[in-house]
């Protein structure tokens, strides 16, 4: 399988949180994580009530960190923000 990069135009960032703000997962969902282009894609589960750190917010999306150093772009609908 050939890896291809897909660029998506995001709306301007609404908020950037230098230290991050804590949010809680509202509903269970699974996100995919790939550390680099040669790494396997891993599915990561999020459970209701789990705390995550939000670094950036867009209109409908967030950029967050889940325990450690894994960064995800996740729809806001899955989170209860501060």
PDB file of N, CA and C in Angstrom:
ATOM      1  N   UNK A   1       0.843  -1.183   0.000  1.00  0.00           N
ATOM      2  CA  UNK A   1       0.000   0.000   0.000  1.00  0.00           C
ATOM      3  C   UNK A   1       0.883   1.239   0.000  1.00  0.00           C
ATOM      4  N   UNK A   2       0.641   2.119  -0.925  1.00  0.00           N
ATOM      5  CA  UNK A   2       1.424   3.345  -1.017  1.00  0.00           C
ATOM      6  C   UNK A   2       0.816   4.397  -0.104  1.00  0.00           C
ATOM      7  N   UNK A   3       1.679   5.034   0.684  1.00  0.00           N
ATOM      8  CA  UNK A   3       1.226   6.077   1.596  1.00  0.00           C
ATOM      9  C   UNK A   3       1.142   7.385   0.837  1.00  0.00           C
ATOM     10  N   UNK A   4       0.020   8.062   0.941  1.00  0.00           N
ATOM     11  CA  UNK A   4      -0.128   9.361   0.301  1.00  0.00           C
ATOM     12  C   UNK A   4      -0.526  10.381   1.347  1.00  0.00           C
ATOM     13  N   UNK A   5      -0.099  11.570   1.149  1.00  0.00           N
ATOM     14  CA  UNK A   5      -0.418  12.643   2.085  1.00  0.00           C
ATOM     15  C   UNK A   5      -1.580  13.440   1.515  1.00  0.00           C
ATOM     16  N   UNK A   6      -2.560  13.700   2.341  1.00  0.00           N
ATOM     17  CA  UNK A   6      -3.727  14.451   1.916  1.00  0.00           C
ATOM     18  C   UNK A   6      -3.761  15.754   2.702  1.00  0.00           C
ATOM     19  N   UNK A   7      -3.748  16.862   2.011  1.00  0.00           N
ATOM     20  CA  UNK A   7      -3.796  18.155   2.680  1.00  0.00           C
ATOM     21  C   UNK A   7      -5.238  18.632   2.743  1.00  0.00           C
ATOM     22  N   UNK A   8      -5.623  19.076   3.912  1.00  0.00           N
ATOM     23  CA  UNK A   8      -6.977  19.562   4.114  1.00  0.00           C
ATOM     24  C   UNK A   8      -6.887  21.005   4.579  1.00  0.00           C
ATOM     25  N   UNK A   9      -7.652  21.861   3.971  1.00  0.00           N
ATOM     26  CA  UNK A   9      -7.651  23.265   4.357  1.00  0.00           C
ATOM     27  C   UNK A   9      -8.521  23.429   5.600  1.00  0.00           C
ATOM     28  N   UNK A  10      -7.915  23.843   6.698  1.00  0.00           N
ATOM     29  CA  UNK A  10      -8.658  24.077   7.925  1.00  0.00           C
ATOM     30  C   UNK A  10      -9.033  25.542   8.031  1.00  0.00           C
ATOM     31  N   UNK A  11     -10.104  25.788   8.746  1.00  0.00           N
ATOM     32  CA  UNK A  11     -10.489  27.163   9.006  1.00  0.00           C
ATOM     33  C   UNK A  11      -9.463  27.784   9.945  1.00  0.00           C
ATOM     34  N   UNK A  12      -9.425  29.105  10.023  1.00  0.00           N
ATOM     35  CA  UNK A  12      -8.472  29.741  10.927  1.00  0.00           C
ATOM     36  C   UNK A  12      -8.658  29.249  12.368  1.00  0.00           C
ATOM     37  N   UNK A  13      -7.557  29.178  13.089  1.00  0.00           N
ATOM     38  CA  UNK A  13      -7.597  28.747  14.489  1.00  0.00           C
ATOM     39  C   UNK A  13      -8.373  29.773  15.292  1.00  0.00           C
ATOM     40  N   UNK A  14      -9.353  29.315  16.077  1.00  0.00           N
ATOM     41  CA  UNK A  14     -10.116  30.214  16.935  1.00  0.00           C
ATOM     42  C   UNK A  14      -9.372  30.491  18.231  1.00  0.00           C
ATOM     43  N   UNK A  15      -8.799  29.436  18.815  1.00  0.00           N
ATOM     44  CA  UNK A  15      -8.089  29.573  20.084  1.00  0.00           C
ATOM     45  C   UNK A  15      -6.838  28.717  20.057  1.00  0.00           C
ATOM     46  N   UNK A  16      -5.755  29.254  20.605  1.00  0.00           N
ATOM     47  CA  UNK A  16      -4.545  28.481  20.834  1.00  0.00           C
ATOM     48  C   UNK A  16      -4.273  28.550  22.325  1.00  0.00           C
ATOM     49  N   UNK A  17      -4.152  27.406  22.953  1.00  0.00           N
ATOM     50  CA  UNK A  17      -3.944  27.341  24.391  1.00  0.00           C
ATOM     51  C   UNK A  17      -2.494  26.936  24.639  1.00  0.00           C
ATOM     52  N   UNK A  18      -1.656  27.905  25.031  1.00  0.00           N
ATOM     53  CA  UNK A  18      -0.221  27.668  25.196  1.00  0.00           C
ATOM     54  C   UNK A  18       0.070  26.487  26.114  1.00  0.00           C
ATOM     55  N   UNK A  19      -0.581  26.420  27.240  1.00  0.00           N
ATOM     56  CA  UNK A  19      -0.368  25.332  28.190  1.00  0.00           C
ATOM     57  C   UNK A  19      -1.397  24.223  28.015  1.00  0.00           C
ATOM     58  N   UNK A  20      -2.388  24.457  27.195  1.00  0.00           N
ATOM     59  CA  UNK A  20      -3.458  23.480  27.008  1.00  0.00           C
ATOM     60  C   UNK A  20      -4.531  23.651  28.066  1.00  0.00           C
ATOM     61  N   UNK A  21      -5.755  23.333  27.715  1.00  0.00           N
ATOM     62  CA  UNK A  21      -6.852  23.334  28.685  1.00  0.00           C
ATOM     63  C   UNK A  21      -7.386  21.914  28.780  1.00  0.00           C
ATOM     64  N   UNK A  22      -7.868  21.544  29.930  1.00  0.00           N
ATOM     65  CA  UNK A  22      -8.376  20.196  30.122  1.00  0.00           C
ATOM     66  C   UNK A  22      -9.826  20.116  29.645  1.00  0.00           C
ATOM     67  N   UNK A  23     -10.150  19.004  29.045  1.00  0.00           N
ATOM     68  CA  UNK A  23     -11.513  18.725  28.588  1.00  0.00           C
ATOM     69  C   UNK A  23     -11.799  17.261  28.898  1.00  0.00           C
ATOM     70  N   UNK A  24     -13.085  16.916  28.939  1.00  0.00           N
ATOM     71  CA  UNK A  24     -13.474  15.524  29.183  1.00  0.00           C
ATOM     72  C   UNK A  24     -14.164  14.964  27.956  1.00  0.00           C
ATOM     73  N   UNK A  25     -13.906  13.698  27.710  1.00  0.00           N
ATOM     74  CA  UNK A  25     -14.538  13.005  26.593  1.00  0.00           C
ATOM     75  C   UNK A  25     -16.008  12.804  26.916  1.00  0.00           C
ATOM     76  N   UNK A  26     -16.876  13.203  25.994  1.00  0.00           N
ATOM     77  CA  UNK A  26     -18.321  13.138  26.189  1.00  0.00           C
ATOM     78  C   UNK A  26     -18.877  11.761  25.821  1.00  0.00           C
ATOM     79  N   UNK A  27     -18.398  11.206  24.729  1.00  0.00           N
ATOM     80  CA  UNK A  27     -18.888   9.917  24.243  1.00  0.00           C
ATOM     81  C   UNK A  27     -17.712   9.097  23.730  1.00  0.00           C
ATOM     82  N   UNK A  28     -17.808   7.804  23.830  1.00  0.00           N
ATOM     83  CA  UNK A  28     -16.719   6.924  23.390  1.00  0.00           C
ATOM     84  C   UNK A  28     -16.519   7.034  21.875  1.00  0.00           C
ATOM     85  N   UNK A  29     -15.256   7.023  21.461  1.00  0.00           N
ATOM     86  CA  UNK A  29     -14.920   7.010  20.037  1.00  0.00           C
ATOM     87  C   UNK A  29     -13.510   6.471  19.873  1.00  0.00           C
ATOM     88  N   UNK A  30     -13.163   6.150  18.653  1.00  0.00           N
ATOM     89  CA  UNK A  30     -11.834   5.638  18.331  1.00  0.00           C
ATOM     90  C   UNK A  30     -11.191   6.558  17.303  1.00  0.00           C
ATOM     91  N   UNK A  31      -9.924   6.894  17.524  1.00  0.00           N
ATOM     92  CA  UNK A  31      -9.170   7.726  16.591  1.00  0.00           C
ATOM     93  C   UNK A  31      -7.966   6.925  16.109  1.00  0.00           C
ATOM     94  N   UNK A  32      -7.397   7.344  15.007  1.00  0.00           N
ATOM     95  CA  UNK A  32      -6.223   6.651  14.467  1.00  0.00           C
ATOM     96  C   UNK A  32      -4.987   7.507  14.690  1.00  0.00           C
ATOM     97  N   UNK A  33      -3.864   6.827  14.972  1.00  0.00           N
ATOM     98  CA  UNK A  33      -2.601   7.506  15.242  1.00  0.00           C
ATOM     99  C   UNK A  33      -1.481   6.853  14.442  1.00  0.00           C
ATOM    100  N   UNK A  34      -0.650   7.684  13.826  1.00  0.00           N
ATOM    101  CA  UNK A  34       0.519   7.186  13.105  1.00  0.00           C
ATOM    102  C   UNK A  34       1.679   8.110  13.468  1.00  0.00           C
ATOM    103  N   UNK A  35       2.650   7.586  14.205  1.00  0.00           N
ATOM    104  CA  UNK A  35       3.770   8.376  14.692  1.00  0.00           C
ATOM    105  C   UNK A  35       4.634   8.969  13.592  1.00  0.00           C
ATOM    106  N   UNK A  36       4.791   8.242  12.496  1.00  0.00           N
ATOM    107  CA  UNK A  36       5.529   8.733  11.331  1.00  0.00           C
ATOM    108  C   UNK A  36       5.075   7.939  10.117  1.00  0.00           C
ATOM    109  N   UNK A  37       5.575   8.294   8.950  1.00  0.00           N
ATOM    110  CA  UNK A  37       5.090   7.668   7.714  1.00  0.00           C
ATOM    111  C   UNK A  37       5.426   6.188   7.598  1.00  0.00           C
ATOM    112  N   UNK A  38       6.425   5.725   8.349  1.00  0.00           N
ATOM    113  CA  UNK A  38       6.796   4.314   8.287  1.00  0.00           C
ATOM    114  C   UNK A  38       6.164   3.481   9.396  1.00  0.00           C
ATOM    115  N   UNK A  39       5.536   4.139  10.339  1.00  0.00           N
ATOM    116  CA  UNK A  39       4.925   3.434  11.467  1.00  0.00           C
ATOM    117  C   UNK A  39       3.557   2.879  11.073  1.00  0.00           C
ATOM    118  N   UNK A  40       3.164   1.829  11.769  1.00  0.00           N
ATOM    119  CA  UNK A  40       1.830   1.267  11.573  1.00  0.00           C
ATOM    120  C   UNK A  40       0.786   2.246  12.115  1.00  0.00           C
ATOM    121  N   UNK A  41      -0.395   2.187  11.568  1.00  0.00           N
ATOM    122  CA  UNK A  41      -1.492   3.011  12.069  1.00  0.00           C
ATOM    123  C   UNK A  41      -2.132   2.260  13.236  1.00  0.00           C
ATOM    124  N   UNK A  42      -2.236   2.948  14.371  1.00  0.00           N
ATOM    125  CA  UNK A  42      -2.819   2.340  15.563  1.00  0.00           C
ATOM    126  C   UNK A  42      -4.155   2.993  15.864  1.00  0.00           C
ATOM    127  N   UNK A  43      -5.115   2.177  16.277  1.00  0.00           N
ATOM    128  CA  UNK A  43      -6.405   2.713  16.704  1.00  0.00           C
ATOM    129  C   UNK A  43      -6.340   2.950  18.206  1.00  0.00           C
ATOM    130  N   UNK A  44      -6.748   4.137  18.614  1.00  0.00           N
ATOM    131  CA  UNK A  44      -6.700   4.529  20.022  1.00  0.00           C
ATOM    132  C   UNK A  44      -8.119   4.830  20.481  1.00  0.00           C
ATOM    133  N   UNK A  45      -8.536   4.199  21.568  1.00  0.00           N
ATOM    134  CA  UNK A  45      -9.897   4.384  22.087  1.00  0.00           C
ATOM    135  C   UNK A  45      -9.944   5.485  23.132  1.00  0.00           C
ATOM    136  N   UNK A  46     -11.001   6.249  23.086  1.00  0.00           N
ATOM    137  CA  UNK A  46     -11.286   7.277  24.078  1.00  0.00           C
ATOM    138  C   UNK A  46     -12.575   6.852  24.784  1.00  0.00           C
ATOM    139  N   UNK A  47     -12.615   7.002  26.102  1.00  0.00           N
ATOM    140  CA  UNK A  47     -13.792   6.580  26.873  1.00  0.00           C
ATOM    141  C   UNK A  47     -14.440   7.782  27.548  1.00  0.00           C
ATOM    142  N   UNK A  48     -15.747   7.737  27.771  1.00  0.00           N
ATOM    143  CA  UNK A  48     -16.439   8.845  28.423  1.00  0.00           C
ATOM    144  C   UNK A  48     -15.807   9.161  29.788  1.00  0.00           C
ATOM    145  N   UNK A  49     -15.644  10.463  30.053  1.00  0.00           N
ATOM    146  CA  UNK A  49     -15.089  10.907  31.330  1.00  0.00           C
ATOM    147  C   UNK A  49     -13.573  11.036  31.329  1.00  0.00           C
ATOM    148  N   UNK A  50     -12.908  10.509  30.312  1.00  0.00           N
ATOM    149  CA  UNK A  50     -11.451  10.582  30.232  1.00  0.00           C
ATOM    150  C   UNK A  50     -11.010  12.032  30.007  1.00  0.00           C
ATOM    151  N   UNK A  51      -9.955  12.457  30.703  1.00  0.00           N
ATOM    152  CA  UNK A  51      -9.448  13.810  30.540  1.00  0.00           C
ATOM    153  C   UNK A  51      -8.381  13.871  29.453  1.00  0.00           C
ATOM    154  N   UNK A  52      -8.469  14.911  28.632  1.00  0.00           N
ATOM    155  CA  UNK A  52      -7.503  15.163  27.574  1.00  0.00           C
ATOM    156  C   UNK A  52      -7.114  16.639  27.622  1.00  0.00           C
ATOM    157  N   UNK A  53      -5.981  16.975  27.024  1.00  0.00           N
ATOM    158  CA  UNK A  53      -5.518  18.362  27.004  1.00  0.00           C
ATOM    159  C   UNK A  53      -5.714  18.930  25.605  1.00  0.00           C
ATOM    160  N   UNK A  54      -6.482  20.010  25.496  1.00  0.00           N
ATOM    161  CA  UNK A  54      -6.769  20.660  24.213  1.00  0.00           C
ATOM    162  C   UNK A  54      -5.744  21.767  23.978  1.00  0.00           C
ATOM    163  N   UNK A  55      -5.079  21.711  22.820  1.00  0.00           N
ATOM    164  CA  UNK A  55      -4.061  22.699  22.477  1.00  0.00           C
ATOM    165  C   UNK A  55      -4.583  23.787  21.548  1.00  0.00           C
ATOM    166  N   UNK A  56      -5.446  23.402  20.605  1.00  0.00           N
ATOM    167  CA  UNK A  56      -6.012  24.359  19.651  1.00  0.00           C
ATOM    168  C   UNK A  56      -7.476  24.023  19.397  1.00  0.00           C
ATOM    169  N   UNK A  57      -8.222  25.057  19.037  1.00  0.00           N
ATOM    170  CA  UNK A  57      -9.630  24.871  18.682  1.00  0.00           C
ATOM    171  C   UNK A  57      -9.909  25.567  17.360  1.00  0.00           C
ATOM    172  N   UNK A  58     -10.653  24.884  16.513  1.00  0.00           N
ATOM    173  CA  UNK A  58     -11.189  25.463  15.301  1.00  0.00           C
ATOM    174  C   UNK A  58     -12.703  25.494  15.465  1.00  0.00           C
ATOM    175  N   UNK A  59     -13.406  25.858  14.429  1.00  0.00           N
ATOM    176  CA  UNK A  59     -14.867  25.946  14.513  1.00  0.00           C
ATOM    177  C   UNK A  59     -15.483  24.625  14.985  1.00  0.00           C
ATOM    178  N   UNK A  60     -15.121  23.510  14.354  1.00  0.00           N
ATOM    179  CA  UNK A  60     -15.725  22.221  14.679  1.00  0.00           C
ATOM    180  C   UNK A  60     -14.722  21.165  15.138  1.00  0.00           C
ATOM    181  N   UNK A  61     -13.442  21.504  15.189  1.00  0.00           N
ATOM    182  CA  UNK A  61     -12.383  20.536  15.502  1.00  0.00           C
ATOM    183  C   UNK A  61     -11.521  21.030  16.658  1.00  0.00           C
ATOM    184  N   UNK A  62     -10.802  20.092  17.254  1.00  0.00           N
ATOM    185  CA  UNK A  62      -9.808  20.431  18.269  1.00  0.00           C
ATOM    186  C   UNK A  62      -8.537  19.644  17.986  1.00  0.00           C
ATOM    187  N   UNK A  63      -7.431  20.152  18.479  1.00  0.00           N
ATOM    188  CA  UNK A  63      -6.162  19.440  18.462  1.00  0.00           C
ATOM    189  C   UNK A  63      -5.882  19.122  19.924  1.00  0.00           C
ATOM    190  N   UNK A  64      -5.739  17.836  20.252  1.00  0.00           N
ATOM    191  CA  UNK A  64      -5.579  17.472  21.655  1.00  0.00           C
ATOM    192  C   UNK A  64      -4.495  16.444  21.862  1.00  0.00           C
ATOM    193  N   UNK A  65      -4.074  16.321  23.115  1.00  0.00           N
ATOM    194  CA  UNK A  65      -3.100  15.316  23.523  1.00  0.00           C
ATOM    195  C   UNK A  65      -3.780  14.382  24.502  1.00  0.00           C
ATOM    196  N   UNK A  66      -3.584  13.088  24.279  1.00  0.00           N
ATOM    197  CA  UNK A  66      -4.106  12.080  25.195  1.00  0.00           C
ATOM    198  C   UNK A  66      -2.933  11.482  25.952  1.00  0.00           C
ATOM    199  N   UNK A  67      -2.924  11.618  27.263  1.00  0.00           N
ATOM    200  CA  UNK A  67      -1.911  11.010  28.141  1.00  0.00           C
ATOM    201  C   UNK A  67      -0.599  10.697  27.442  1.00  0.00           C
ATOM    202  N   UNK A  68       0.321  11.574  27.533  1.00  0.00           N
ATOM    203  CA  UNK A  68       1.617  11.340  26.911  1.00  0.00           C
ATOM    204  C   UNK A  68       1.859  12.298  25.775  1.00  0.00           C
ATOM    205  N   UNK A  69       2.252  11.761  24.642  1.00  0.00           N
ATOM    206  CA  UNK A  69       2.646  12.638  23.552  1.00  0.00           C
ATOM    207  C   UNK A  69       1.902  12.393  22.242  1.00  0.00           C
ATOM    208  N   UNK A  70       0.841  11.639  22.278  1.00  0.00           N
ATOM    209  CA  UNK A  70       0.080  11.391  21.051  1.00  0.00           C
ATOM    210  C   UNK A  70      -0.890  12.535  20.800  1.00  0.00           C
ATOM    211  N   UNK A  71      -0.789  13.130  19.620  1.00  0.00           N
ATOM    212  CA  UNK A  71      -1.602  14.288  19.260  1.00  0.00           C
ATOM    213  C   UNK A  71      -2.665  13.857  18.261  1.00  0.00           C
ATOM    214  N   UNK A  72      -3.891  14.341  18.466  1.00  0.00           N
ATOM    215  CA  UNK A  72      -5.020  13.979  17.606  1.00  0.00           C
ATOM    216  C   UNK A  72      -5.806  15.220  17.223  1.00  0.00           C
ATOM    217  N   UNK A  73      -6.390  15.221  16.022  1.00  0.00           N
ATOM    218  CA  UNK A  73      -7.406  16.206  15.655  1.00  0.00           C
ATOM    219  C   UNK A  73      -8.739  15.487  15.810  1.00  0.00           C
ATOM    220  N   UNK A  74      -9.598  16.049  16.659  1.00  0.00           N
ATOM    221  CA  UNK A  74     -10.843  15.382  17.035  1.00  0.00           C
ATOM    222  C   UNK A  74     -12.003  16.369  16.912  1.00  0.00           C
ATOM    223  N   UNK A  75     -13.159  15.932  16.407  1.00  0.00           N
ATOM    224  CA  UNK A  75     -14.338  16.810  16.365  1.00  0.00           C
ATOM    225  C   UNK A  75     -14.742  17.242  17.777  1.00  0.00           C
ATOM    226  N   UNK A  76     -15.149  18.502  17.908  1.00  0.00           N
ATOM    227  CA  UNK A  76     -15.572  19.038  19.209  1.00  0.00           C
ATOM    228  C   UNK A  76     -16.765  18.286  19.783  1.00  0.00           C
ATOM    229  N   UNK A  77     -17.581  17.688  18.929  1.00  0.00           N
ATOM    230  CA  UNK A  77     -18.787  16.998  19.400  1.00  0.00           C
ATOM    231  C   UNK A  77     -18.476  15.869  20.384  1.00  0.00           C
ATOM    232  N   UNK A  78     -17.234  15.377  20.390  1.00  0.00           N
ATOM    233  CA  UNK A  78     -16.863  14.293  21.290  1.00  0.00           C
ATOM    234  C   UNK A  78     -16.389  14.770  22.656  1.00  0.00           C
ATOM    235  N   UNK A  79     -16.279  16.096  22.848  1.00  0.00           N
ATOM    236  CA  UNK A  79     -15.686  16.626  24.076  1.00  0.00           C
ATOM    237  C   UNK A  79     -16.585  17.605  24.823  1.00  0.00           C
ATOM    238  N   UNK A  80     -16.393  17.666  26.127  1.00  0.00           N
ATOM    239  CA  UNK A  80     -16.965  18.720  26.959  1.00  0.00           C
ATOM    240  C   UNK A  80     -15.818  19.676  27.249  1.00  0.00           C
ATOM    241  N   UNK A  81     -15.837  20.830  26.619  1.00  0.00           N
ATOM    242  CA  UNK A  81     -14.763  21.796  26.798  1.00  0.00           C
ATOM    243  C   UNK A  81     -15.056  22.698  27.986  1.00  0.00           C
ATOM    244  N   UNK A  82     -14.008  22.932  28.800  1.00  0.00           N
ATOM    245  CA  UNK A  82     -14.032  23.777  29.984  1.00  0.00           C
ATOM    246  C   UNK A  82     -15.275  24.513  30.146  1.00  0.00           C
TER     247      UNK A  82
END
